């Protein structure tokens, strides 16, 4: 069974930075796509950034130039570096991994951007 554990969230002032980590219970090499999603109060969980097995990345327009997704295969970890944070980035951030036909989600980590 695949387990994902996110960490690194917290309270930060506007303009600040955080780095989220998603540690996976097994090698991440076999996963086709890894990504970060977020959910503000409400039902919808939206894509923030993805990285695939070839290290190609994709970002939501709202975070381009501010967020960077990366992976460390040796540590079975996916990261999301978030810079120049804005109040509208406040949400619960979730890590997701895909390995057809399955997808796996973490439990989420809260990010709050406020002065």
Protein backbone atom coordinates (compact mmCIF):
# COMPACT_ATOMS: atom_id res chain seq x y z
CA UNK A 1 0.00 0.00 0.00
CA UNK A 2 1.29 3.41 -0.96
CA UNK A 3 1.35 6.05 1.74
CA UNK A 4 2.06 9.74 1.25
CA UNK A 5 2.89 12.11 4.09
CA UNK A 6 2.93 15.85 3.47
CA UNK A 7 4.67 18.36 5.70
CA UNK A 8 5.97 21.90 5.65
CA UNK A 9 2.77 23.87 5.83
CA UNK A 10 2.15 26.66 8.29
CA UNK A 11 1.40 30.33 8.76
CA UNK A 12 3.46 32.78 6.72
CA UNK A 13 3.21 36.47 5.94
CA UNK A 14 2.52 37.71 2.41
CA UNK A 15 5.73 37.67 0.41
CA UNK A 16 7.15 34.82 2.47
CA UNK A 17 8.21 31.33 1.45
CA UNK A 18 7.47 27.74 2.40
CA UNK A 19 8.68 24.40 1.13
CA UNK A 20 6.25 21.50 1.19
CA UNK A 21 7.47 17.91 1.21
CA UNK A 22 5.65 14.73 0.27
CA UNK A 23 7.41 11.60 1.47
CA UNK A 24 6.27 8.39 -0.21
CA UNK A 25 6.44 4.95 1.39
CA UNK A 26 8.04 3.38 -1.68
CA UNK A 27 10.18 4.28 -4.64
CA UNK A 28 8.69 7.10 -6.70
CA UNK A 29 10.49 6.07 -9.88
CA UNK A 30 7.54 3.95 -11.03
CA UNK A 31 4.96 6.73 -10.77
CA UNK A 32 4.10 8.41 -14.04
CA UNK A 33 3.03 11.75 -12.61
CA UNK A 34 3.38 13.43 -9.25
CA UNK A 35 1.68 16.63 -8.32
CA UNK A 36 0.44 19.12 -5.81
CA UNK A 37 -3.17 20.23 -5.56
CA UNK A 38 -4.87 22.65 -3.22
CA UNK A 39 -8.31 23.12 -1.78
CA UNK A 40 -9.50 26.39 -0.35
CA UNK A 41 -12.76 26.36 1.64
CA UNK A 42 -15.19 24.72 -0.76
CA UNK A 43 -15.54 21.44 -2.60
CA UNK A 44 -13.07 21.86 -5.43
CA UNK A 45 -9.48 20.64 -5.34
CA UNK A 46 -7.39 22.33 -8.05
CA UNK A 47 -4.08 21.56 -9.66
CA UNK A 48 -1.08 23.58 -8.55
CA UNK A 49 1.86 21.81 -10.22
CA UNK A 50 2.84 18.45 -11.67
CA UNK A 51 6.07 16.69 -12.60
CA UNK A 52 6.26 13.55 -14.67
CA UNK A 53 8.72 10.69 -14.91
CA UNK A 54 10.72 12.63 -17.48
CA UNK A 55 10.91 15.65 -15.16
CA UNK A 56 8.62 17.77 -17.32
CA UNK A 57 6.68 20.21 -15.19
CA UNK A 58 3.35 21.96 -15.44
CA UNK A 59 1.99 24.83 -13.35
CA UNK A 60 -1.27 26.60 -12.78
CA UNK A 61 -1.15 30.11 -14.23
CA UNK A 62 -1.69 31.58 -10.77
CA UNK A 63 1.58 30.14 -9.42
CA UNK A 64 3.90 30.33 -12.45
CA UNK A 65 7.14 32.06 -11.59
CA UNK A 66 6.52 31.71 -7.85
CA UNK A 67 6.26 27.95 -7.21
CA UNK A 68 8.66 25.18 -8.20
CA UNK A 69 7.94 21.46 -8.09
CA UNK A 70 10.81 18.99 -7.86
CA UNK A 71 11.53 15.42 -6.91
CA UNK A 72 14.31 13.51 -5.18
CA UNK A 73 14.15 9.87 -6.19
CA UNK A 74 16.76 8.84 -3.63
CA UNK A 75 14.58 10.23 -0.82
CA UNK A 76 11.23 9.17 -2.32
CA UNK A 77 10.14 12.77 -1.91
CA UNK A 78 8.33 15.38 -3.98
CA UNK A 79 8.75 19.04 -3.08
CA UNK A 80 6.88 22.25 -3.71
CA UNK A 81 8.91 25.39 -3.16
CA UNK A 82 6.56 28.34 -2.74
CA UNK A 83 7.92 31.88 -2.91
CA UNK A 84 6.27 35.29 -2.81
CA UNK A 85 3.21 33.80 -1.18
CA UNK A 86 -0.10 35.65 -1.42
CA UNK A 87 -3.23 35.48 0.75
CA UNK A 88 -5.03 33.74 -2.12
CA UNK A 89 -2.56 30.85 -1.82
CA UNK A 90 -4.19 29.94 1.50
CA UNK A 91 -5.49 26.38 1.22
CA UNK A 92 -4.90 22.79 2.20
CA UNK A 93 -2.23 21.39 -0.09
CA UNK A 94 -2.34 17.77 -1.18
CA UNK A 95 0.23 15.56 -2.85
CA UNK A 96 -0.99 13.12 -5.50
CA UNK A 97 0.77 10.32 -7.33
CA UNK A 98 -0.41 8.45 -10.40
CA UNK A 99 0.48 4.93 -11.44
CA UNK A 100 -2.09 3.65 -13.89
CA UNK A 101 -4.80 2.79 -13.09
CA UNK A 102 -4.41 4.05 -9.53
CA UNK A 103 -3.98 7.43 -7.95
CA UNK A 104 -2.82 8.08 -4.41
CA UNK A 105 -3.44 11.10 -2.19
CA UNK A 106 -1.84 12.36 0.98
CA UNK A 107 -3.72 13.74 3.96
CA UNK A 108 -2.92 17.37 3.19
CA UNK A 109 -1.03 20.18 4.89
CA UNK A 110 -2.48 23.59 5.71
CA UNK A 111 -0.88 26.71 4.28
CA UNK A 112 -2.12 30.05 5.59
CA UNK A 113 -0.84 33.33 4.18
CA UNK A 114 -1.80 36.24 6.37
CA UNK A 115 -0.36 39.31 8.01
